[in-house]
C-alpha atoms as a PDB file:
ATOM      1  CA  MET A   1     -11.277 -13.400  -0.687  1.00  0.00           C
ATOM      2  CA  ALA A   2      -8.826 -10.274  -0.574  1.00  0.00           C
ATOM      3  CA  LEU A   3      -5.167 -10.957   0.062  1.00  0.00           C
ATOM      4  CA  GLY A   4      -2.530  -8.244   0.311  1.00  0.00           C
ATOM      5  CA  VAL A   5       1.015  -7.684   1.133  1.00  0.00           C
ATOM      6  CA  LYS A   6       3.124  -4.851   2.445  1.00  0.00           C
ATOM      7  CA  VAL A   7       6.993  -4.755   2.464  1.00  0.00           C
ATOM      8  CA  GLY A   8       9.467  -2.092   3.601  1.00  0.00           C
ATOM      9  CA  GLY A   9      12.836  -1.457   4.342  1.00  0.00           C
ATOM     10  CA  GLY A  10      14.843   1.482   5.405  1.00  0.00           C
ATOM     11  CA  ILE A  11      18.174   2.879   6.681  1.00  0.00           C
ATOM     12  CA  ALA A  12      19.085   5.583   9.146  1.00  0.00           C
ATOM     13  CA  TRP A  13      22.487   7.308   9.765  1.00  0.00           C
ATOM     14  CA  GLN A  14      23.096   9.004  13.059  1.00  0.00           C
ATOM     15  CA  PHE A  15      25.966  11.502  12.287  1.00  0.00           C
ATOM     16  CA  HIS A  16      25.366  13.487  15.534  1.00  0.00           C
ATOM     17  CA  GLU A  17      24.633  12.584  19.263  1.00  0.00           C
ATOM     18  CA  ARG A  18      20.925  13.449  18.709  1.00  0.00           C
ATOM     19  CA  ILE A  19      20.339  14.004  14.866  1.00  0.00           C
ATOM     20  CA  SER A  20      20.176  11.445  11.986  1.00  0.00           C
ATOM     21  CA  LEU A  21      18.791  11.234   8.340  1.00  0.00           C
ATOM     22  CA  PHE A  22      16.740   8.442   7.246  1.00  0.00           C
ATOM     23  CA  GLY A  23      15.471   6.931   4.249  1.00  0.00           C
ATOM     24  CA  GLU A  24      12.724   4.356   3.446  1.00  0.00           C
ATOM     25  CA  TYR A  25      10.762   2.584   0.691  1.00  0.00           C
ATOM     26  CA  ARG A  26       7.324   0.919   1.229  1.00  0.00           C
ATOM     27  CA  PHE A  27       5.416  -1.160  -1.280  1.00  0.00           C
ATOM     28  CA  THR A  28       1.761  -2.243  -0.780  1.00  0.00           C
ATOM     29  CA  HIS A  29      -0.193  -4.752  -2.980  1.00  0.00           C
ATOM     30  CA  PHE A  30      -3.884  -5.276  -2.261  1.00  0.00           C
ATOM     31  CA  SER A  31      -6.183  -6.985  -4.777  1.00  0.00           C
ATOM     32  CA  PRO A  32      -9.639  -7.561  -3.812  1.00  0.00           C
ATOM     33  CA  SER A  33     -12.216  -8.860  -6.504  1.00  0.00           C
ATOM     34  CA  ILE A  34     -16.045  -9.035  -6.609  1.00  0.00           C
ATOM     35  CA  GLU A  35     -17.859 -11.691  -8.616  1.00  0.00           C
ATOM     36  CA  THR A  36     -21.516 -11.515  -9.272  1.00  0.00           C
ATOM     37  CA  GLY A  37     -23.632 -13.968 -11.567  1.00  0.00           C
ATOM     38  CA  GLY A  38     -26.548 -12.900 -13.811  1.00  0.00           C
ATOM     39  CA  VAL A  39     -26.966  -9.318 -13.074  1.00  0.00           C
ATOM     40  CA  ASN A  40     -29.983  -7.745 -14.499  1.00  0.00           C
ATOM     41  CA  VAL A  41     -29.602  -3.967 -15.548  1.00  0.00           C
ATOM     42  CA  ALA A  42     -32.608  -2.144 -16.911  1.00  0.00           C
ATOM     43  CA  GLY A  43     -33.949  -5.474 -18.374  1.00  0.00           C
ATOM     44  CA  VAL A  44     -30.685  -6.570 -19.928  1.00  0.00           C
ATOM     45  CA  GLU A  45     -29.106  -9.559 -18.813  1.00  0.00           C
ATOM     46  CA  THR A  46     -25.178  -8.852 -18.298  1.00  0.00           C
ATOM     47  CA  GLY A  47     -24.299 -12.493 -17.329  1.00  0.00           C
ATOM     48  CA  ASP A  48     -21.251 -12.950 -15.003  1.00  0.00           C
ATOM     49  CA  LEU A  49     -19.545  -9.821 -13.864  1.00  0.00           C
ATOM     50  CA  GLU A  50     -16.116  -9.587 -12.318  1.00  0.00           C
ATOM     51  CA  VAL A  51     -14.611  -6.312 -10.931  1.00  0.00           C
ATOM     52  CA  ASP A  52     -10.846  -6.348  -9.987  1.00  0.00           C
ATOM     53  CA  LEU A  53     -10.052  -3.546  -7.617  1.00  0.00           C
ATOM     54  CA  GLY A  54      -6.237  -4.230  -7.455  1.00  0.00           C
ATOM     55  CA  LEU A  55      -3.912  -1.687  -5.823  1.00  0.00           C
ATOM     56  CA  ASP A  56      -0.306  -1.184  -5.703  1.00  0.00           C
ATOM     57  CA  THR A  57       1.328   1.664  -4.131  1.00  0.00           C
ATOM     58  CA  HIS A  58       5.095   2.786  -3.884  1.00  0.00           C
ATOM     59  CA  TYR A  59       6.223   5.156  -1.175  1.00  0.00           C
ATOM     60  CA  VAL A  60       9.709   6.593  -0.766  1.00  0.00           C
ATOM     61  CA  LEU A  61      10.211   8.568   2.504  1.00  0.00           C
ATOM     62  CA  ALA A  62      13.165  10.558   3.733  1.00  0.00           C
ATOM     63  CA  GLY A  63      13.635  12.846   6.733  1.00  0.00           C
ATOM     64  CA  LEU A  64      15.574  14.120   9.614  1.00  0.00           C
ATOM     65  CA  SER A  65      15.326  12.874  13.171  1.00  0.00           C
ATOM     66  CA  TYR A  66      15.954  14.770  16.409  1.00  0.00           C
ATOM     67  CA  ARG A  67      16.207  12.848  19.742  1.00  0.00           C
ATOM     68  CA  PHE A  68      15.058  14.722  22.765  1.00  0.00           C
ATOM     69  CA  GLY A  69      16.224  14.179  26.333  1.00  0.00           C
ATOM     70  CA  ARG A  70      19.543  12.571  27.699  1.00  0.00           C
END
């Protein structure tokens, strides 16, 4: 079974009627694992094998936003 979480937060500052600045942070955690029992590789018994494929990412985003229309 694989469980994950994604969390983020940010802020925007509208300093003009149509223009604003923004900043955001995002964190993602995902940690699936694979378990096998008694793997035979080229005639050699490896026993139980567990592979952890954990992943953590951190993103910082920033930018300028322009609103079209009225």
